[in-house]
Amino acid sequence: MPVRCLNAPYYEGWKKLIKTDVYVHVAPEKIDLLSKIIEAYEHLGIVSTINPRDGLLVIRATEDTNEEIVKILHTLPFSVEILPHK
């Protein structure tokens, strides 16, 4: 089966999406709770665990939902550290 290459406009759009991801650190026991809270706000983002032992997560967002996700994170009743992009 041949390998299909991504065309430039599609790839550029993907890089733009990545810049809107929100990286966070939470206590490992809060990972499931944070995932469920974000899921409850339908269509805002998708939570993926990067390192469960350290509580490192990424919330896949879009330009339209990034700001709202950050606002929600600041209102949670447990500590959420929003990490800078590297």
PDB file of N, CA and C in Angstrom:
ATOM      1  N   MET A   1       0.849  -1.181   0.000  1.00  0.00           N
ATOM      2  CA  MET A   1       0.000   0.000   0.000  1.00  0.00           C
ATOM      3  C   MET A   1       0.895   1.244   0.000  1.00  0.00           C
ATOM      4  N   PRO A   2       0.655   2.202  -0.885  1.00  0.00           N
ATOM      5  CA  PRO A   2       1.497   3.399  -0.940  1.00  0.00           C
ATOM      6  C   PRO A   2       1.270   4.314   0.260  1.00  0.00           C
ATOM      7  N   VAL A   3       2.312   5.038   0.614  1.00  0.00           N
ATOM      8  CA  VAL A   3       2.233   5.994   1.704  1.00  0.00           C
ATOM      9  C   VAL A   3       1.720   7.313   1.150  1.00  0.00           C
ATOM     10  N   ARG A   4       0.738   7.877   1.804  1.00  0.00           N
ATOM     11  CA  ARG A   4       0.168   9.144   1.354  1.00  0.00           C
ATOM     12  C   ARG A   4       0.811  10.295   2.115  1.00  0.00           C
ATOM     13  N   CYS A   5       1.308  11.269   1.418  1.00  0.00           N
ATOM     14  CA  CYS A   5       1.916  12.437   2.051  1.00  0.00           C
ATOM     15  C   CYS A   5       0.854  13.509   2.278  1.00  0.00           C
ATOM     16  N   LEU A   6       1.040  14.238   3.363  1.00  0.00           N
ATOM     17  CA  LEU A   6       0.122  15.332   3.648  1.00  0.00           C
ATOM     18  C   LEU A   6       0.471  16.526   2.784  1.00  0.00           C
ATOM     19  N   ASN A   7      -0.538  17.180   2.264  1.00  0.00           N
ATOM     20  CA  ASN A   7      -0.251  18.385   1.490  1.00  0.00           C
ATOM     21  C   ASN A   7      -0.008  19.554   2.430  1.00  0.00           C
ATOM     22  N   ALA A   8       0.654  20.581   1.978  1.00  0.00           N
ATOM     23  CA  ALA A   8       1.091  21.698   2.822  1.00  0.00           C
ATOM     24  C   ALA A   8      -0.049  22.399   3.557  1.00  0.00           C
ATOM     25  N   PRO A   9      -1.172  22.752   2.914  1.00  0.00           N
ATOM     26  CA  PRO A   9      -2.224  23.467   3.651  1.00  0.00           C
ATOM     27  C   PRO A   9      -2.781  22.645   4.816  1.00  0.00           C
ATOM     28  N   TYR A  10      -2.959  21.356   4.612  1.00  0.00           N
ATOM     29  CA  TYR A  10      -3.468  20.515   5.684  1.00  0.00           C
ATOM     30  C   TYR A  10      -2.456  20.467   6.832  1.00  0.00           C
ATOM     31  N   TYR A  11      -1.200  20.294   6.517  1.00  0.00           N
ATOM     32  CA  TYR A  11      -0.165  20.211   7.538  1.00  0.00           C
ATOM     33  C   TYR A  11      -0.064  21.509   8.323  1.00  0.00           C
ATOM     34  N   GLU A  12      -0.139  22.642   7.648  1.00  0.00           N
ATOM     35  CA  GLU A  12      -0.089  23.933   8.326  1.00  0.00           C
ATOM     36  C   GLU A  12      -1.259  24.072   9.300  1.00  0.00           C
ATOM     37  N   GLY A  13      -2.424  23.625   8.912  1.00  0.00           N
ATOM     38  CA  GLY A  13      -3.586  23.664   9.801  1.00  0.00           C
ATOM     39  C   GLY A  13      -3.370  22.793  11.021  1.00  0.00           C
ATOM     40  N   TRP A  14      -2.723  21.659  10.862  1.00  0.00           N
ATOM     41  CA  TRP A  14      -2.449  20.769  11.987  1.00  0.00           C
ATOM     42  C   TRP A  14      -1.496  21.430  12.974  1.00  0.00           C
ATOM     43  N   LYS A  15      -0.451  22.095  12.477  1.00  0.00           N
ATOM     44  CA  LYS A  15       0.478  22.778  13.375  1.00  0.00           C
ATOM     45  C   LYS A  15      -0.243  23.870  14.156  1.00  0.00           C
ATOM     46  N   LYS A  16      -1.175  24.529  13.526  1.00  0.00           N
ATOM     47  CA  LYS A  16      -1.941  25.579  14.202  1.00  0.00           C
ATOM     48  C   LYS A  16      -2.776  24.977  15.337  1.00  0.00           C
ATOM     49  N   LEU A  17      -3.334  23.812  15.112  1.00  0.00           N
ATOM     50  CA  LEU A  17      -4.131  23.142  16.133  1.00  0.00           C
ATOM     51  C   LEU A  17      -3.275  22.789  17.343  1.00  0.00           C
ATOM     52  N   ILE A  18      -2.079  22.302  17.117  1.00  0.00           N
ATOM     53  CA  ILE A  18      -1.194  21.907  18.207  1.00  0.00           C
ATOM     54  C   ILE A  18      -0.880  23.094  19.116  1.00  0.00           C
ATOM     55  N   LYS A  19      -0.726  24.277  18.550  1.00  0.00           N
ATOM     56  CA  LYS A  19      -0.407  25.456  19.349  1.00  0.00           C
ATOM     57  C   LYS A  19      -1.522  25.800  20.331  1.00  0.00           C
ATOM     58  N   THR A  20      -2.708  25.300  20.120  1.00  0.00           N
ATOM     59  CA  THR A  20      -3.832  25.607  21.004  1.00  0.00           C
ATOM     60  C   THR A  20      -3.999  24.574  22.116  1.00  0.00           C
ATOM     61  N   ASP A  21      -3.199  23.528  22.111  1.00  0.00           N
ATOM     62  CA  ASP A  21      -3.273  22.534  23.176  1.00  0.00           C
ATOM     63  C   ASP A  21      -2.907  23.170  24.512  1.00  0.00           C
ATOM     64  N   VAL A  22      -3.523  22.670  25.572  1.00  0.00           N
ATOM     65  CA  VAL A  22      -3.267  23.166  26.919  1.00  0.00           C
ATOM     66  C   VAL A  22      -2.609  22.034  27.706  1.00  0.00           C
ATOM     67  N   TYR A  23      -1.380  22.257  28.127  1.00  0.00           N
ATOM     68  CA  TYR A  23      -0.642  21.272  28.920  1.00  0.00           C
ATOM     69  C   TYR A  23      -0.829  21.610  30.389  1.00  0.00           C
ATOM     70  N   VAL A  24      -1.173  20.600  31.188  1.00  0.00           N
ATOM     71  CA  VAL A  24      -1.441  20.842  32.601  1.00  0.00           C
ATOM     72  C   VAL A  24      -0.800  19.778  33.466  1.00  0.00           C
ATOM     73  N   HIS A  25      -0.606  20.148  34.727  1.00  0.00           N
ATOM     74  CA  HIS A  25      -0.123  19.223  35.744  1.00  0.00           C
ATOM     75  C   HIS A  25      -1.146  19.213  36.869  1.00  0.00           C
ATOM     76  N   VAL A  26      -1.600  18.019  37.241  1.00  0.00           N
ATOM     77  CA  VAL A  26      -2.526  17.850  38.358  1.00  0.00           C
ATOM     78  C   VAL A  26      -2.022  16.701  39.227  1.00  0.00           C
ATOM     79  N   ALA A  27      -2.544  16.604  40.422  1.00  0.00           N
ATOM     80  CA  ALA A  27      -2.243  15.442  41.257  1.00  0.00           C
ATOM     81  C   ALA A  27      -2.741  14.198  40.520  1.00  0.00           C
ATOM     82  N   PRO A  28      -1.947  13.129  40.494  1.00  0.00           N
ATOM     83  CA  PRO A  28      -2.349  11.935  39.739  1.00  0.00           C
ATOM     84  C   PRO A  28      -3.748  11.425  40.067  1.00  0.00           C
ATOM     85  N   GLU A  29      -4.169  11.569  41.316  1.00  0.00           N
ATOM     86  CA  GLU A  29      -5.510  11.080  41.688  1.00  0.00           C
ATOM     87  C   GLU A  29      -6.629  11.965  41.135  1.00  0.00           C
ATOM     88  N   LYS A  30      -6.295  13.113  40.558  1.00  0.00           N
ATOM     89  CA  LYS A  30      -7.296  14.030  39.988  1.00  0.00           C
ATOM     90  C   LYS A  30      -7.423  13.906  38.469  1.00  0.00           C
ATOM     91  N   ILE A  31      -6.617  13.037  37.860  1.00  0.00           N
ATOM     92  CA  ILE A  31      -6.640  12.895  36.392  1.00  0.00           C
ATOM     93  C   ILE A  31      -8.028  12.507  35.899  1.00  0.00           C
ATOM     94  N   ASP A  32      -8.616  11.492  36.495  1.00  0.00           N
ATOM     95  CA  ASP A  32      -9.928  11.023  36.054  1.00  0.00           C
ATOM     96  C   ASP A  32     -10.991  12.102  36.238  1.00  0.00           C
ATOM     97  N   LEU A  33     -10.949  12.802  37.365  1.00  0.00           N
ATOM     98  CA  LEU A  33     -11.920  13.858  37.627  1.00  0.00           C
ATOM     99  C   LEU A  33     -11.797  14.981  36.598  1.00  0.00           C
ATOM    100  N   LEU A  34     -10.570  15.407  36.310  1.00  0.00           N
ATOM    101  CA  LEU A  34     -10.377  16.464  35.311  1.00  0.00           C
ATOM    102  C   LEU A  34     -10.886  16.013  33.944  1.00  0.00           C
ATOM    103  N   SER A  35     -10.600  14.782  33.575  1.00  0.00           N
ATOM    104  CA  SER A  35     -11.092  14.251  32.288  1.00  0.00           C
ATOM    105  C   SER A  35     -12.610  14.293  32.219  1.00  0.00           C
ATOM    106  N   LYS A  36     -13.265  13.892  33.285  1.00  0.00           N
ATOM    107  CA  LYS A  36     -14.733  13.874  33.297  1.00  0.00           C
ATOM    108  C   LYS A  36     -15.316  15.285  33.264  1.00  0.00           C
ATOM    109  N   ILE A  37     -14.652  16.222  33.937  1.00  0.00           N
ATOM    110  CA  ILE A  37     -15.138  17.607  33.915  1.00  0.00           C
ATOM    111  C   ILE A  37     -15.046  18.174  32.508  1.00  0.00           C
ATOM    112  N   ILE A  38     -13.919  17.973  31.849  1.00  0.00           N
ATOM    113  CA  ILE A  38     -13.760  18.497  30.484  1.00  0.00           C
ATOM    114  C   ILE A  38     -14.730  17.799  29.534  1.00  0.00           C
ATOM    115  N   GLU A  39     -14.928  16.498  29.704  1.00  0.00           N
ATOM    116  CA  GLU A  39     -15.897  15.768  28.870  1.00  0.00           C
ATOM    117  C   GLU A  39     -17.314  16.301  29.065  1.00  0.00           C
ATOM    118  N   ALA A  40     -17.640  16.739  30.277  1.00  0.00           N
ATOM    119  CA  ALA A  40     -18.986  17.252  30.564  1.00  0.00           C
ATOM    120  C   ALA A  40     -19.265  18.536  29.780  1.00  0.00           C
ATOM    121  N   TYR A  41     -18.231  19.306  29.506  1.00  0.00           N
ATOM    122  CA  TYR A  41     -18.364  20.477  28.639  1.00  0.00           C
ATOM    123  C   TYR A  41     -18.175  19.980  27.214  1.00  0.00           C
ATOM    124  N   GLU A  42     -19.221  19.491  26.617  1.00  0.00           N
ATOM    125  CA  GLU A  42     -19.131  18.840  25.312  1.00  0.00           C
ATOM    126  C   GLU A  42     -18.467  19.727  24.265  1.00  0.00           C
ATOM    127  N   HIS A  43     -17.602  19.113  23.495  1.00  0.00           N
ATOM    128  CA  HIS A  43     -16.948  19.724  22.332  1.00  0.00           C
ATOM    129  C   HIS A  43     -15.943  20.816  22.671  1.00  0.00           C
ATOM    130  N   LEU A  44     -15.463  20.875  23.911  1.00  0.00           N
ATOM    131  CA  LEU A  44     -14.441  21.870  24.257  1.00  0.00           C
ATOM    132  C   LEU A  44     -13.041  21.342  24.011  1.00  0.00           C
ATOM    133  N   GLY A  45     -12.794  20.114  24.378  1.00  0.00           N
ATOM    134  CA  GLY A  45     -11.462  19.560  24.221  1.00  0.00           C
ATOM    135  C   GLY A  45     -11.431  18.090  24.563  1.00  0.00           C
ATOM    136  N   ILE A  46     -10.300  17.490  24.262  1.00  0.00           N
ATOM    137  CA  ILE A  46     -10.088  16.075  24.535  1.00  0.00           C
ATOM    138  C   ILE A  46      -8.879  15.966  25.450  1.00  0.00           C
ATOM    139  N   VAL A  47      -9.041  15.266  26.557  1.00  0.00           N
ATOM    140  CA  VAL A  47      -7.958  15.117  27.523  1.00  0.00           C
ATOM    141  C   VAL A  47      -7.178  13.843  27.200  1.00  0.00           C
ATOM    142  N   SER A  48      -5.856  13.986  27.132  1.00  0.00           N
ATOM    143  CA  SER A  48      -4.963  12.842  26.948  1.00  0.00           C
ATOM    144  C   SER A  48      -3.914  12.870  28.048  1.00  0.00           C
ATOM    145  N   THR A  49      -3.634  11.718  28.601  1.00  0.00           N
ATOM    146  CA  THR A  49      -2.630  11.618  29.655  1.00  0.00           C
ATOM    147  C   THR A  49      -1.267  11.402  29.020  1.00  0.00           C
ATOM    148  N   ILE A  50      -0.322  12.251  29.375  1.00  0.00           N
ATOM    149  CA  ILE A  50       1.047  12.114  28.874  1.00  0.00           C
ATOM    150  C   ILE A  50       1.856  11.241  29.832  1.00  0.00           C
ATOM    151  N   ASN A  51       1.751  11.521  31.129  1.00  0.00           N
ATOM    152  CA  ASN A  51       2.468  10.752  32.140  1.00  0.00           C
ATOM    153  C   ASN A  51       1.579  10.629  33.385  1.00  0.00           C
ATOM    154  N   PRO A  52       0.931   9.480  33.577  1.00  0.00           N
ATOM    155  CA  PRO A  52      -0.008   9.334  34.687  1.00  0.00           C
ATOM    156  C   PRO A  52       0.640   9.417  36.069  1.00  0.00           C
ATOM    157  N   ARG A  53       1.861   8.965  36.201  1.00  0.00           N
ATOM    158  CA  ARG A  53       2.535   9.028  37.511  1.00  0.00           C
ATOM    159  C   ARG A  53       2.772  10.461  37.962  1.00  0.00           C
ATOM    160  N   ASP A  54       3.092  11.323  36.992  1.00  0.00           N
ATOM    161  CA  ASP A  54       3.381  12.724  37.314  1.00  0.00           C
ATOM    162  C   ASP A  54       2.161  13.628  37.186  1.00  0.00           C
ATOM    163  N   GLY A  55       1.048  13.096  36.680  1.00  0.00           N
ATOM    164  CA  GLY A  55      -0.150  13.916  36.505  1.00  0.00           C
ATOM    165  C   GLY A  55      -0.019  14.904  35.364  1.00  0.00           C
ATOM    166  N   LEU A  56       0.743  14.554  34.338  1.00  0.00           N
ATOM    167  CA  LEU A  56       0.953  15.432  33.186  1.00  0.00           C
ATOM    168  C   LEU A  56      -0.055  15.083  32.095  1.00  0.00           C
ATOM    169  N   LEU A  57      -0.844  16.092  31.700  1.00  0.00           N
ATOM    170  CA  LEU A  57      -1.916  15.906  30.722  1.00  0.00           C
ATOM    171  C   LEU A  57      -1.830  16.949  29.631  1.00  0.00           C
ATOM    172  N   VAL A  58      -2.482  16.652  28.511  1.00  0.00           N
ATOM    173  CA  VAL A  58      -2.688  17.652  27.475  1.00  0.00           C
ATOM    174  C   VAL A  58      -4.180  17.678  27.173  1.00  0.00           C
ATOM    175  N   ILE A  59      -4.710  18.874  27.052  1.00  0.00           N
ATOM    176  CA  ILE A  59      -6.102  19.023  26.638  1.00  0.00           C
ATOM    177  C   ILE A  59      -6.058  19.547  25.215  1.00  0.00           C
ATOM    178  N   ARG A  60      -6.502  18.737  24.294  1.00  0.00           N
ATOM    179  CA  ARG A  60      -6.502  19.107  22.876  1.00  0.00           C
ATOM    180  C   ARG A  60      -7.664  20.064  22.649  1.00  0.00           C
ATOM    181  N   ALA A  61      -7.322  21.280  22.295  1.00  0.00           N
ATOM    182  CA  ALA A  61      -8.320  22.328  22.118  1.00  0.00           C
ATOM    183  C   ALA A  61      -8.217  22.902  20.704  1.00  0.00           C
ATOM    184  N   THR A  62      -9.074  23.844  20.408  1.00  0.00           N
ATOM    185  CA  THR A  62      -9.015  24.579  19.143  1.00  0.00           C
ATOM    186  C   THR A  62      -8.894  26.063  19.478  1.00  0.00           C
ATOM    187  N   GLU A  63      -8.713  26.869  18.470  1.00  0.00           N
ATOM    188  CA  GLU A  63      -8.655  28.314  18.699  1.00  0.00           C
ATOM    189  C   GLU A  63      -9.923  28.815  19.377  1.00  0.00           C
ATOM    190  N   ASP A  64     -11.047  28.228  19.041  1.00  0.00           N
ATOM    191  CA  ASP A  64     -12.335  28.667  19.577  1.00  0.00           C
ATOM    192  C   ASP A  64     -12.567  28.228  21.021  1.00  0.00           C
ATOM    193  N   THR A  65     -11.929  27.142  21.444  1.00  0.00           N
ATOM    194  CA  THR A  65     -12.213  26.617  22.781  1.00  0.00           C
ATOM    195  C   THR A  65     -11.068  26.798  23.783  1.00  0.00           C
ATOM    196  N   ASN A  66      -9.900  27.154  23.313  1.00  0.00           N
ATOM    197  CA  ASN A  66      -8.722  27.262  24.177  1.00  0.00           C
ATOM    198  C   ASN A  66      -8.949  28.197  25.363  1.00  0.00           C
ATOM    199  N   GLU A  67      -9.416  29.385  25.111  1.00  0.00           N
ATOM    200  CA  GLU A  67      -9.607  30.375  26.167  1.00  0.00           C
ATOM    201  C   GLU A  67     -10.634  29.905  27.199  1.00  0.00           C
ATOM    202  N   GLU A  68     -11.696  29.290  26.731  1.00  0.00           N
ATOM    203  CA  GLU A  68     -12.735  28.801  27.636  1.00  0.00           C
ATOM    204  C   GLU A  68     -12.211  27.675  28.528  1.00  0.00           C
ATOM    205  N   ILE A  69     -11.392  26.793  27.958  1.00  0.00           N
ATOM    206  CA  ILE A  69     -10.804  25.712  28.756  1.00  0.00           C
ATOM    207  C   ILE A  69      -9.931  26.290  29.861  1.00  0.00           C
ATOM    208  N   VAL A  70      -9.113  27.277  29.535  1.00  0.00           N
ATOM    209  CA  VAL A  70      -8.242  27.902  30.547  1.00  0.00           C
ATOM    210  C   VAL A  70      -9.082  28.530  31.654  1.00  0.00           C
ATOM    211  N   LYS A  71     -10.167  29.190  31.305  1.00  0.00           N
ATOM    212  CA  LYS A  71     -11.054  29.781  32.322  1.00  0.00           C
ATOM    213  C   LYS A  71     -11.624  28.707  33.238  1.00  0.00           C
ATOM    214  N   ILE A  72     -12.051  27.587  32.667  1.00  0.00           N
ATOM    215  CA  ILE A  72     -12.602  26.488  33.454  1.00  0.00           C
ATOM    216  C   ILE A  72     -11.543  25.937  34.401  1.00  0.00           C
ATOM    217  N   LEU A  73     -10.333  25.777  33.923  1.00  0.00           N
ATOM    218  CA  LEU A  73      -9.255  25.226  34.747  1.00  0.00           C
ATOM    219  C   LEU A  73      -8.992  26.094  35.974  1.00  0.00           C
ATOM    220  N   HIS A  74      -9.143  27.404  35.829  1.00  0.00           N
ATOM    221  CA  HIS A  74      -8.911  28.314  36.949  1.00  0.00           C
ATOM    222  C   HIS A  74     -10.018  28.248  38.007  1.00  0.00           C
ATOM    223  N   THR A  75     -11.164  27.677  37.660  1.00  0.00           N
ATOM    224  CA  THR A  75     -12.286  27.624  38.611  1.00  0.00           C
ATOM    225  C   THR A  75     -12.425  26.279  39.328  1.00  0.00           C
ATOM    226  N   LEU A  76     -11.579  25.318  39.001  1.00  0.00           N
ATOM    227  CA  LEU A  76     -11.721  23.981  39.585  1.00  0.00           C
ATOM    228  C   LEU A  76     -11.350  23.976  41.068  1.00  0.00           C
ATOM    229  N   PRO A  77     -11.987  23.100  41.844  1.00  0.00           N
ATOM    230  CA  PRO A  77     -11.757  23.070  43.294  1.00  0.00           C
ATOM    231  C   PRO A  77     -10.494  22.300  43.703  1.00  0.00           C
ATOM    232  N   PHE A  78      -9.596  22.057  42.757  1.00  0.00           N
ATOM    233  CA  PHE A  78      -8.314  21.420  43.059  1.00  0.00           C
ATOM    234  C   PHE A  78      -7.239  22.097  42.216  1.00  0.00           C
ATOM    235  N   SER A  79      -6.006  21.877  42.594  1.00  0.00           N
ATOM    236  CA  SER A  79      -4.882  22.557  41.954  1.00  0.00           C
ATOM    237  C   SER A  79      -4.631  22.035  40.535  1.00  0.00           C
ATOM    238  N   VAL A  80      -4.582  22.972  39.590  1.00  0.00           N
ATOM    239  CA  VAL A  80      -4.253  22.665  38.203  1.00  0.00           C
ATOM    240  C   VAL A  80      -3.184  23.666  37.772  1.00  0.00           C
ATOM    241  N   GLU A  81      -2.019  23.157  37.422  1.00  0.00           N
ATOM    242  CA  GLU A  81      -0.938  24.020  36.941  1.00  0.00           C
ATOM    243  C   GLU A  81      -0.941  24.003  35.425  1.00  0.00           C
ATOM    244  N   ILE A  82      -1.149  25.155  34.811  1.00  0.00           N
ATOM    245  CA  ILE A  82      -1.099  25.253  33.356  1.00  0.00           C
ATOM    246  C   ILE A  82       0.347  25.471  32.967  1.00  0.00           C
ATOM    247  N   LEU A  83       0.867  24.580  32.147  1.00  0.00           N
ATOM    248  CA  LEU A  83       2.279  24.604  31.781  1.00  0.00           C
ATOM    249  C   LEU A  83       2.502  25.383  30.483  1.00  0.00           C
ATOM    250  N   PRO A  84       3.619  26.092  30.388  1.00  0.00           N
ATOM    251  CA  PRO A  84       3.908  26.828  29.152  1.00  0.00           C
ATOM    252  C   PRO A  84       4.300  25.866  28.033  1.00  0.00           C
ATOM    253  N   HIS A  85       4.066  26.273  26.794  1.00  0.00           N
ATOM    254  CA  HIS A  85       4.497  25.486  25.632  1.00  0.00           C
ATOM    255  C   HIS A  85       6.000  25.572  25.536  1.00  0.00           C
ATOM    256  N   LYS A  86       6.630  24.483  25.141  1.00  0.00           N
ATOM    257  CA  LYS A  86       8.089  24.481  24.998  1.00  0.00           C
ATOM    258  C   LYS A  86       8.475  24.611  23.561  1.00  0.00           C
TER     259      LYS A  86
END
